[in-house]
Amino acid sequence: MSAPVLTEAGAPAPAGVPASVRRKPRVGPGLGLGLAVLYLSLIVLFPLTVVAWKGVEGGFGTFWSAVTTPDSWAALKLTLGASALVAVINVLMGTLIAWVLVRDRFPGKAIVDTLIDLPFALPTIVAGLVLLALYGVKSPLHLNLAYTRAGVVIALLFVTLPFVVRTVQPVLQELDRDMEQAAFSLGAGPWLTFRRIILPNLVPAMVSGAGLAFTRAIAEFGSTVLLSGNLPFKTQVAAVNIFGRIESDDTASAAAVSTALLVVAFVVLIGLDLVQRWGSRRG
């Protein structure tokens, strides 16, 4: 007695179904998943695991001592504080820029839209040179922000500009304009319509963009190393502090500070995932 013919779903096929519909091993999806996991492991997981292991291999006491040395602690506080400020500014200005690009028409709109992505394409050390020339001692604007904390914030704002814009922009483009028209027809003003109709739909994207900008800012090196001047206890950010420790052959302390930043970034990314899940359920 021959075995019954099975469909791809695993159920017995009706009589007369040709043998070509027999269940075949689905190698493609499994192979693709394996390659994706292997690639992510080699590029992301293994290096991060090694850094974290190096940072805590001496125990929590050694890790905490390395993180709380006066220069490292000052660099971490400056980095986290400046990154938080940058995230808040990006939420406000990034949402405004996205609104202008989606809702307004003006000459050169396509050029402005393209320039938003410039920080993604420009090497950060080049961005540092540009910002130093623009806001340095010989500033053509007569605005010297070099070697100041304000200069650090300016550098971080430059490299994180696209994140909120590019997360809010597609949400605005897909927003149903009929709801706004209905609100206007019921007597709601522009501000009330924005606060009750538009803003709730934008909040998940705004929070996601702010989180991405924050995590990008805490790891920034190239644009800050020149404009900040690398002054310990004043303008030295965490990434530059890590680089200095590596140059001093203190890799254990460098790994400890890196691990602290990694933990912060991981917590923020978990928060972003929760926000995205909330936004998808809401939608």
C-alpha atoms as a PDB file:
ATOM      1  CA  MET A   1       0.000   0.000   0.000  1.00  0.00           C
ATOM      2  CA  SER A   2       1.571   3.313  -1.084  1.00  0.00           C
ATOM      3  CA  ALA A   3       1.891   6.291   1.238  1.00  0.00           C
ATOM      4  CA  PRO A   4      -0.740   9.024   0.822  1.00  0.00           C
ATOM      5  CA  VAL A   5       0.170  12.152  -1.085  1.00  0.00           C
ATOM      6  CA  LEU A   6       0.597  15.152   1.219  1.00  0.00           C
ATOM      7  CA  THR A   7       0.174  18.797   0.405  1.00  0.00           C
ATOM      8  CA  GLU A   8       2.696  21.449   1.473  1.00  0.00           C
ATOM      9  CA  ALA A   9       0.544  22.127   4.528  1.00  0.00           C
ATOM     10  CA  GLY A  10       0.994  18.491   5.627  1.00  0.00           C
ATOM     11  CA  ALA A  11      -2.631  17.376   5.055  1.00  0.00           C
ATOM     12  CA  PRO A  12      -3.516  14.362   2.882  1.00  0.00           C
ATOM     13  CA  ALA A  13      -4.203  15.476  -0.683  1.00  0.00           C
ATOM     14  CA  PRO A  14      -7.452  14.500  -2.406  1.00  0.00           C
ATOM     15  CA  ALA A  15      -7.412  11.571  -4.763  1.00  0.00           C
ATOM     16  CA  GLY A  16      -6.031  12.358  -8.156  1.00  0.00           C
ATOM     17  CA  VAL A  17      -3.661  15.088  -7.018  1.00  0.00           C
ATOM     18  CA  PRO A  18      -0.401  14.727  -8.969  1.00  0.00           C
ATOM     19  CA  ALA A  19       2.799  13.841  -7.178  1.00  0.00           C
ATOM     20  CA  SER A  20       4.214  17.321  -7.941  1.00  0.00           C
ATOM     21  CA  VAL A  21       2.325  18.703  -4.958  1.00  0.00           C
ATOM     22  CA  ARG A  22       4.017  16.355  -2.507  1.00  0.00           C
ATOM     23  CA  ARG A  23       5.502  18.160   0.464  1.00  0.00           C
ATOM     24  CA  LYS A  24       9.057  19.207  -0.247  1.00  0.00           C
ATOM     25  CA  PRO A  25      11.659  20.201   2.322  1.00  0.00           C
ATOM     26  CA  ARG A  26      11.588  23.979   2.690  1.00  0.00           C
ATOM     27  CA  VAL A  27      15.313  24.634   2.744  1.00  0.00           C
ATOM     28  CA  GLY A  28      15.146  28.293   1.695  1.00  0.00           C
ATOM     29  CA  PRO A  29      13.573  29.892   4.799  1.00  0.00           C
ATOM     30  CA  GLY A  30      15.700  27.869   7.204  1.00  0.00           C
ATOM     31  CA  LEU A  31      18.889  28.656   5.308  1.00  0.00           C
ATOM     32  CA  GLY A  32      18.037  32.359   5.163  1.00  0.00           C
ATOM     33  CA  LEU A  33      17.303  32.478   8.887  1.00  0.00           C
ATOM     34  CA  GLY A  34      20.546  30.688   9.676  1.00  0.00           C
ATOM     35  CA  LEU A  35      22.610  33.056   7.527  1.00  0.00           C
ATOM     36  CA  ALA A  36      20.896  36.096   9.055  1.00  0.00           C
ATOM     37  CA  VAL A  37      21.541  34.886  12.613  1.00  0.00           C
ATOM     38  CA  LEU A  38      25.158  34.006  11.780  1.00  0.00           C
ATOM     39  CA  TYR A  39      25.797  37.388  10.173  1.00  0.00           C
ATOM     40  CA  LEU A  40      24.222  39.332  13.056  1.00  0.00           C
ATOM     41  CA  SER A  41      26.167  37.226  15.535  1.00  0.00           C
ATOM     42  CA  LEU A  42      29.504  37.874  13.828  1.00  0.00           C
ATOM     43  CA  ILE A  43      28.890  41.580  13.265  1.00  0.00           C
ATOM     44  CA  VAL A  44      26.902  42.567  16.375  1.00  0.00           C
ATOM     45  CA  LEU A  45      26.384  39.931  19.049  1.00  0.00           C
ATOM     46  CA  PHE A  46      29.877  38.474  19.437  1.00  0.00           C
ATOM     47  CA  PRO A  47      31.742  41.836  19.493  1.00  0.00           C
ATOM     48  CA  LEU A  48      29.303  43.318  22.013  1.00  0.00           C
ATOM     49  CA  THR A  49      29.530  40.198  24.149  1.00  0.00           C
ATOM     50  CA  VAL A  50      33.324  40.386  24.168  1.00  0.00           C
ATOM     51  CA  VAL A  51      33.273  44.063  25.146  1.00  0.00           C
ATOM     52  CA  ALA A  52      30.772  43.428  27.943  1.00  0.00           C
ATOM     53  CA  TRP A  53      32.766  40.430  29.188  1.00  0.00           C
ATOM     54  CA  LYS A  54      35.969  42.465  29.161  1.00  0.00           C
ATOM     55  CA  GLY A  55      34.262  45.236  31.078  1.00  0.00           C
ATOM     56  CA  VAL A  56      33.005  43.021  33.911  1.00  0.00           C
ATOM     57  CA  GLU A  57      35.635  40.265  33.983  1.00  0.00           C
ATOM     58  CA  GLY A  58      37.234  41.783  37.087  1.00  0.00           C
ATOM     59  CA  GLY A  59      33.931  41.747  38.942  1.00  0.00           C
ATOM     60  CA  PHE A  60      31.294  44.377  39.578  1.00  0.00           C
ATOM     61  CA  GLY A  61      33.549  46.271  41.995  1.00  0.00           C
ATOM     62  CA  THR A  62      36.266  46.694  39.371  1.00  0.00           C
ATOM     63  CA  PHE A  63      33.680  47.665  36.771  1.00  0.00           C
ATOM     64  CA  TRP A  64      32.108  50.254  39.056  1.00  0.00           C
ATOM     65  CA  SER A  65      35.503  51.687  40.027  1.00  0.00           C
ATOM     66  CA  ALA A  66      36.412  52.148  36.360  1.00  0.00           C
ATOM     67  CA  VAL A  67      33.093  53.812  35.541  1.00  0.00           C
ATOM     68  CA  THR A  68      33.124  56.147  38.548  1.00  0.00           C
ATOM     69  CA  THR A  69      36.636  57.524  38.217  1.00  0.00           C
ATOM     70  CA  PRO A  70      36.338  61.330  38.209  1.00  0.00           C
ATOM     71  CA  ASP A  71      37.097  61.775  34.504  1.00  0.00           C
ATOM     72  CA  SER A  72      34.925  58.858  33.315  1.00  0.00           C
ATOM     73  CA  TRP A  73      31.997  59.849  35.536  1.00  0.00           C
ATOM     74  CA  ALA A  74      32.185  63.458  34.336  1.00  0.00           C
ATOM     75  CA  ALA A  75      32.307  62.281  30.719  1.00  0.00           C
ATOM     76  CA  LEU A  76      29.318  59.976  31.217  1.00  0.00           C
ATOM     77  CA  LYS A  77      27.243  62.675  32.895  1.00  0.00           C
ATOM     78  CA  LEU A  78      28.039  65.161  30.145  1.00  0.00           C
ATOM     79  CA  THR A  79      27.276  62.607  27.428  1.00  0.00           C
ATOM     80  CA  LEU A  80      23.959  61.477  28.876  1.00  0.00           C
ATOM     81  CA  GLY A  81      22.846  65.004  29.752  1.00  0.00           C
ATOM     82  CA  ALA A  82      23.761  66.454  26.360  1.00  0.00           C
ATOM     83  CA  SER A  83      22.198  63.488  24.555  1.00  0.00           C
ATOM     84  CA  ALA A  84      18.949  63.890  26.498  1.00  0.00           C
ATOM     85  CA  LEU A  85      18.855  67.604  25.655  1.00  0.00           C
ATOM     86  CA  VAL A  86      19.544  66.823  22.012  1.00  0.00           C
ATOM     87  CA  ALA A  87      16.718  64.262  21.974  1.00  0.00           C
ATOM     88  CA  VAL A  88      14.250  66.836  23.339  1.00  0.00           C
ATOM     89  CA  ILE A  89      15.322  69.475  20.811  1.00  0.00           C
ATOM     90  CA  ASN A  90      15.084  66.908  18.023  1.00  0.00           C
ATOM     91  CA  VAL A  91      11.527  66.021  19.015  1.00  0.00           C
ATOM     92  CA  LEU A  92      10.467  69.651  18.676  1.00  0.00           C
ATOM     93  CA  MET A  93      12.473  70.748  15.652  1.00  0.00           C
ATOM     94  CA  GLY A  94      12.436  67.384  13.874  1.00  0.00           C
ATOM     95  CA  THR A  95       8.647  67.230  14.068  1.00  0.00           C
ATOM     96  CA  LEU A  96       8.419  70.821  12.811  1.00  0.00           C
ATOM     97  CA  ILE A  97      10.745  70.084   9.880  1.00  0.00           C
ATOM     98  CA  ALA A  98       8.810  66.930   9.014  1.00  0.00           C
ATOM     99  CA  TRP A  99       5.568  68.923   9.099  1.00  0.00           C
ATOM    100  CA  VAL A 100       6.977  71.566   6.758  1.00  0.00           C
ATOM    101  CA  LEU A 101       8.287  68.956   4.332  1.00  0.00           C
ATOM    102  CA  VAL A 102       4.958  67.108   4.207  1.00  0.00           C
ATOM    103  CA  ARG A 103       2.349  69.847   4.498  1.00  0.00           C
ATOM    104  CA  ASP A 104       3.969  72.929   2.942  1.00  0.00           C
ATOM    105  CA  ARG A 105       5.061  73.777  -0.573  1.00  0.00           C
ATOM    106  CA  PHE A 106       8.015  76.067  -1.202  1.00  0.00           C
ATOM    107  CA  PRO A 107      10.850  76.487  -3.711  1.00  0.00           C
ATOM    108  CA  GLY A 108      13.769  74.151  -3.083  1.00  0.00           C
ATOM    109  CA  LYS A 109      11.716  71.683  -1.053  1.00  0.00           C
ATOM    110  CA  ALA A 110      13.373  68.679  -2.734  1.00  0.00           C
ATOM    111  CA  ILE A 111      16.820  70.075  -1.934  1.00  0.00           C
ATOM    112  CA  VAL A 112      15.933  70.578   1.724  1.00  0.00           C
ATOM    113  CA  ASP A 113      14.517  67.054   1.877  1.00  0.00           C
ATOM    114  CA  THR A 114      17.788  65.692   0.497  1.00  0.00           C
ATOM    115  CA  LEU A 115      19.933  67.744   2.884  1.00  0.00           C
ATOM    116  CA  ILE A 116      18.183  66.152   5.860  1.00  0.00           C
ATOM    117  CA  ASP A 117      20.079  62.929   5.125  1.00  0.00           C
ATOM    118  CA  LEU A 118      23.469  64.661   4.827  1.00  0.00           C
ATOM    119  CA  PRO A 119      24.552  63.748   8.397  1.00  0.00           C
ATOM    120  CA  PHE A 120      24.024  60.092   7.477  1.00  0.00           C
ATOM    121  CA  ALA A 121      26.304  60.337   4.452  1.00  0.00           C
ATOM    122  CA  LEU A 122      28.962  62.724   5.776  1.00  0.00           C
ATOM    123  CA  PRO A 123      31.849  61.207   7.772  1.00  0.00           C
ATOM    124  CA  THR A 124      31.552  62.490  11.319  1.00  0.00           C
ATOM    125  CA  ILE A 125      35.145  63.698  11.459  1.00  0.00           C
ATOM    126  CA  VAL A 126      34.374  65.855   8.407  1.00  0.00           C
ATOM    127  CA  ALA A 127      31.309  67.142  10.233  1.00  0.00           C
ATOM    128  CA  GLY A 128      33.585  68.055  13.137  1.00  0.00           C
ATOM    129  CA  LEU A 129      35.879  70.027  10.818  1.00  0.00           C
ATOM    130  CA  VAL A 130      32.910  71.839   9.272  1.00  0.00           C
ATOM    131  CA  LEU A 131      31.448  72.703  12.664  1.00  0.00           C
ATOM    132  CA  LEU A 132      34.837  73.826  13.969  1.00  0.00           C
ATOM    133  CA  ALA A 133      35.265  76.133  10.982  1.00  0.00           C
ATOM    134  CA  LEU A 134      31.758  77.501  11.451  1.00  0.00           C
ATOM    135  CA  TYR A 135      31.680  77.800  15.241  1.00  0.00           C
ATOM    136  CA  GLY A 136      35.373  77.920  16.115  1.00  0.00           C
ATOM    137  CA  VAL A 137      37.734  80.735  17.024  1.00  0.00           C
ATOM    138  CA  LYS A 138      37.630  82.164  13.494  1.00  0.00           C
ATOM    139  CA  SER A 139      33.890  81.715  13.093  1.00  0.00           C
ATOM    140  CA  PRO A 140      32.427  83.694  10.163  1.00  0.00           C
ATOM    141  CA  LEU A 141      29.317  84.031  12.323  1.00  0.00           C
ATOM    142  CA  HIS A 142      31.383  85.520  15.180  1.00  0.00           C
ATOM    143  CA  LEU A 143      30.018  82.739  17.394  1.00  0.00           C
ATOM    144  CA  ASN A 144      32.814  80.865  19.129  1.00  0.00           C
ATOM    145  CA  LEU A 145      31.465  77.627  20.597  1.00  0.00           C
ATOM    146  CA  ALA A 146      34.678  75.628  20.339  1.00  0.00           C
ATOM    147  CA  TYR A 147      35.743  73.759  23.474  1.00  0.00           C
ATOM    148  CA  THR A 148      32.431  74.434  25.208  1.00  0.00           C
ATOM    149  CA  ARG A 149      29.511  72.237  26.213  1.00  0.00           C
ATOM    150  CA  ALA A 150      27.311  74.219  23.865  1.00  0.00           C
ATOM    151  CA  GLY A 151      29.634  73.125  21.075  1.00  0.00           C
ATOM    152  CA  VAL A 152      29.145  69.511  22.102  1.00  0.00           C
ATOM    153  CA  VAL A 153      25.364  69.931  21.895  1.00  0.00           C
ATOM    154  CA  ILE A 154      25.658  71.564  18.446  1.00  0.00           C
ATOM    155  CA  ALA A 155      27.776  68.664  17.190  1.00  0.00           C
ATOM    156  CA  LEU A 156      25.301  66.103  18.509  1.00  0.00           C
ATOM    157  CA  LEU A 157      22.357  68.003  17.024  1.00  0.00           C
ATOM    158  CA  PHE A 158      24.048  67.895  13.624  1.00  0.00           C
ATOM    159  CA  VAL A 159      24.619  64.130  13.549  1.00  0.00           C
ATOM    160  CA  THR A 160      21.189  63.247  14.979  1.00  0.00           C
ATOM    161  CA  LEU A 161      19.086  65.636  12.871  1.00  0.00           C
ATOM    162  CA  PRO A 162      17.557  63.026  10.517  1.00  0.00           C
ATOM    163  CA  PHE A 163      16.211  60.579  13.097  1.00  0.00           C
ATOM    164  CA  VAL A 164      13.019  62.311  14.244  1.00  0.00           C
ATOM    165  CA  VAL A 165      12.400  63.839  10.811  1.00  0.00           C
ATOM    166  CA  ARG A 166      12.575  60.481   9.047  1.00  0.00           C
ATOM    167  CA  THR A 167      10.415  58.683  11.602  1.00  0.00           C
ATOM    168  CA  VAL A 168       7.688  61.343  11.788  1.00  0.00           C
ATOM    169  CA  GLN A 169       7.605  62.181   8.071  1.00  0.00           C
ATOM    170  CA  PRO A 170       6.048  58.906   6.798  1.00  0.00           C
ATOM    171  CA  VAL A 171       3.459  58.957   9.580  1.00  0.00           C
ATOM    172  CA  LEU A 172       2.390  62.437   8.515  1.00  0.00           C
ATOM    173  CA  GLN A 173       2.246  61.346   4.879  1.00  0.00           C
ATOM    174  CA  GLU A 174      -0.048  58.416   5.699  1.00  0.00           C
ATOM    175  CA  LEU A 175      -2.243  60.319   8.137  1.00  0.00           C
ATOM    176  CA  ASP A 176      -5.884  60.383   7.127  1.00  0.00           C
ATOM    177  CA  ARG A 177      -6.714  63.989   6.269  1.00  0.00           C
ATOM    178  CA  ASP A 178     -10.442  63.253   6.392  1.00  0.00           C
ATOM    179  CA  MET A 179     -10.289  63.179  10.203  1.00  0.00           C
ATOM    180  CA  GLU A 180      -8.851  66.688  10.218  1.00  0.00           C
ATOM    181  CA  GLN A 181     -11.498  67.916   7.803  1.00  0.00           C
ATOM    182  CA  ALA A 182     -14.183  66.377   9.980  1.00  0.00           C
ATOM    183  CA  ALA A 183     -12.770  68.118  13.048  1.00  0.00           C
ATOM    184  CA  PHE A 184     -12.718  71.456  11.197  1.00  0.00           C
ATOM    185  CA  SER A 185     -16.316  70.944  10.050  1.00  0.00           C
ATOM    186  CA  LEU A 186     -17.334  70.435  13.684  1.00  0.00           C
ATOM    187  CA  GLY A 187     -15.804  73.764  14.664  1.00  0.00           C
ATOM    188  CA  ALA A 188     -12.411  72.662  15.997  1.00  0.00           C
ATOM    189  CA  GLY A 189      -9.576  75.125  15.475  1.00  0.00           C
ATOM    190  CA  PRO A 190      -6.113  74.251  14.100  1.00  0.00           C
ATOM    191  CA  TRP A 191      -4.517  73.885  17.544  1.00  0.00           C
ATOM    192  CA  LEU A 192      -7.320  71.683  18.919  1.00  0.00           C
ATOM    193  CA  THR A 193      -7.251  69.542  15.792  1.00  0.00           C
ATOM    194  CA  PHE A 194      -3.511  69.120  16.073  1.00  0.00           C
ATOM    195  CA  ARG A 195      -3.638  68.279  19.782  1.00  0.00           C
ATOM    196  CA  ARG A 196      -6.582  65.858  19.622  1.00  0.00           C
ATOM    197  CA  ILE A 197      -6.264  64.322  16.136  1.00  0.00           C
ATOM    198  CA  ILE A 198      -2.736  64.658  14.769  1.00  0.00           C
ATOM    199  CA  LEU A 199      -0.471  64.597  17.816  1.00  0.00           C
ATOM    200  CA  PRO A 200      -1.695  61.250  19.250  1.00  0.00           C
ATOM    201  CA  ASN A 201      -0.812  59.604  15.934  1.00  0.00           C
ATOM    202  CA  LEU A 202       2.632  61.207  15.888  1.00  0.00           C
ATOM    203  CA  VAL A 203       3.668  60.444  19.479  1.00  0.00           C
ATOM    204  CA  PRO A 204       4.980  56.887  18.871  1.00  0.00           C
ATOM    205  CA  ALA A 205       7.088  58.054  15.928  1.00  0.00           C
ATOM    206  CA  MET A 206       8.342  61.091  17.855  1.00  0.00           C
ATOM    207  CA  VAL A 207       9.373  58.938  20.809  1.00  0.00           C
ATOM    208  CA  SER A 208      11.057  56.400  18.528  1.00  0.00           C
ATOM    209  CA  GLY A 209      12.986  59.104  16.709  1.00  0.00           C
ATOM    210  CA  ALA A 210      14.036  60.714  19.983  1.00  0.00           C
ATOM    211  CA  GLY A 211      15.241  57.363  21.321  1.00  0.00           C
ATOM    212  CA  LEU A 212      17.267  56.677  18.198  1.00  0.00           C
ATOM    213  CA  ALA A 213      18.763  60.163  18.350  1.00  0.00           C
ATOM    214  CA  PHE A 214      19.667  59.653  22.018  1.00  0.00           C
ATOM    215  CA  THR A 215      21.376  56.308  21.443  1.00  0.00           C
ATOM    216  CA  ARG A 216      23.238  57.750  18.450  1.00  0.00           C
ATOM    217  CA  ALA A 217      24.377  60.765  20.454  1.00  0.00           C
ATOM    218  CA  ILE A 218      25.796  58.823  23.405  1.00  0.00           C
ATOM    219  CA  ALA A 219      28.164  56.996  21.050  1.00  0.00           C
ATOM    220  CA  GLU A 220      29.262  59.981  18.963  1.00  0.00           C
ATOM    221  CA  PHE A 221      33.006  60.503  18.559  1.00  0.00           C
ATOM    222  CA  GLY A 222      34.061  62.105  15.283  1.00  0.00           C
ATOM    223  CA  SER A 223      32.038  65.311  15.348  1.00  0.00           C
ATOM    224  CA  THR A 224      32.745  65.988  19.035  1.00  0.00           C
ATOM    225  CA  VAL A 225      36.455  65.213  19.290  1.00  0.00           C
ATOM    226  CA  LEU A 226      37.422  68.408  17.431  1.00  0.00           C
ATOM    227  CA  LEU A 227      34.733  70.832  18.541  1.00  0.00           C
ATOM    228  CA  SER A 228      34.798  69.800  22.202  1.00  0.00           C
ATOM    229  CA  GLY A 229      38.572  70.098  22.568  1.00  0.00           C
ATOM    230  CA  ASN A 230      38.672  66.937  24.735  1.00  0.00           C
ATOM    231  CA  LEU A 231      38.929  68.826  28.017  1.00  0.00           C
ATOM    232  CA  PRO A 232      38.521  66.400  30.959  1.00  0.00           C
ATOM    233  CA  PHE A 233      35.842  67.383  33.492  1.00  0.00           C
ATOM    234  CA  LYS A 234      34.579  70.045  31.082  1.00  0.00           C
ATOM    235  CA  THR A 235      33.906  69.001  27.483  1.00  0.00           C
ATOM    236  CA  GLN A 236      35.160  65.412  27.223  1.00  0.00           C
ATOM    237  CA  VAL A 237      32.403  63.038  26.103  1.00  0.00           C
ATOM    238  CA  ALA A 238      32.314  59.339  26.895  1.00  0.00           C
ATOM    239  CA  ALA A 239      33.448  58.145  23.458  1.00  0.00           C
ATOM    240  CA  VAL A 240      36.528  60.375  23.607  1.00  0.00           C
ATOM    241  CA  ASN A 241      37.208  59.216  27.164  1.00  0.00           C
ATOM    242  CA  ILE A 242      37.110  55.609  25.957  1.00  0.00           C
ATOM    243  CA  PHE A 243      39.492  56.425  23.116  1.00  0.00           C
ATOM    244  CA  GLY A 244      41.909  58.079  25.519  1.00  0.00           C
ATOM    245  CA  ARG A 245      41.895  55.031  27.796  1.00  0.00           C
ATOM    246  CA  ILE A 246      42.622  52.752  24.856  1.00  0.00           C
ATOM    247  CA  GLU A 247      45.533  54.982  23.857  1.00  0.00           C
ATOM    248  CA  SER A 248      46.799  54.674  27.440  1.00  0.00           C
ATOM    249  CA  ASP A 249      46.562  50.862  27.135  1.00  0.00           C
ATOM    250  CA  ASP A 250      43.833  50.733  29.779  1.00  0.00           C
ATOM    251  CA  THR A 251      41.509  48.513  27.778  1.00  0.00           C
ATOM    252  CA  ALA A 252      39.723  47.119  30.837  1.00  0.00           C
ATOM    253  CA  SER A 253      38.531  50.568  31.923  1.00  0.00           C
ATOM    254  CA  ALA A 254      37.664  51.463  28.330  1.00  0.00           C
ATOM    255  CA  ALA A 255      35.568  48.293  28.098  1.00  0.00           C
ATOM    256  CA  ALA A 256      33.858  49.127  31.405  1.00  0.00           C
ATOM    257  CA  VAL A 257      32.801  52.600  30.223  1.00  0.00           C
ATOM    258  CA  SER A 258      31.734  51.093  26.893  1.00  0.00           C
ATOM    259  CA  THR A 259      29.641  48.521  28.738  1.00  0.00           C
ATOM    260  CA  ALA A 260      27.926  51.292  30.718  1.00  0.00           C
ATOM    261  CA  LEU A 261      26.965  53.011  27.463  1.00  0.00           C
ATOM    262  CA  LEU A 262      25.872  49.669  26.027  1.00  0.00           C
ATOM    263  CA  VAL A 263      23.531  49.063  28.969  1.00  0.00           C
ATOM    264  CA  VAL A 264      21.982  52.519  28.579  1.00  0.00           C
ATOM    265  CA  ALA A 265      21.497  51.999  24.841  1.00  0.00           C
ATOM    266  CA  PHE A 266      19.989  48.547  25.409  1.00  0.00           C
ATOM    267  CA  VAL A 267      17.488  49.898  27.931  1.00  0.00           C
ATOM    268  CA  VAL A 268      16.486  52.679  25.535  1.00  0.00           C
ATOM    269  CA  LEU A 269      16.045  50.213  22.663  1.00  0.00           C
ATOM    270  CA  ILE A 270      13.816  48.020  24.823  1.00  0.00           C
ATOM    271  CA  GLY A 271      11.752  51.113  25.615  1.00  0.00           C
ATOM    272  CA  LEU A 272      11.508  51.910  21.900  1.00  0.00           C
ATOM    273  CA  ASP A 273      10.273  48.406  21.172  1.00  0.00           C
ATOM    274  CA  LEU A 274       7.568  48.783  23.814  1.00  0.00           C
ATOM    275  CA  VAL A 275       6.538  52.142  22.344  1.00  0.00           C
ATOM    276  CA  GLN A 276       6.340  50.656  18.849  1.00  0.00           C
ATOM    277  CA  ARG A 277       4.226  47.766  20.101  1.00  0.00           C
ATOM    278  CA  TRP A 278       1.921  50.235  21.855  1.00  0.00           C
ATOM    279  CA  GLY A 279       1.676  52.298  18.696  1.00  0.00           C
ATOM    280  CA  SER A 280       0.849  49.270  16.546  1.00  0.00           C
ATOM    281  CA  ARG A 281      -1.876  48.146  18.962  1.00  0.00           C
ATOM    282  CA  ARG A 282      -3.243  51.662  19.018  1.00  0.00           C
ATOM    283  CA  GLY A 283      -3.313  51.824  15.252  1.00  0.00           C
END
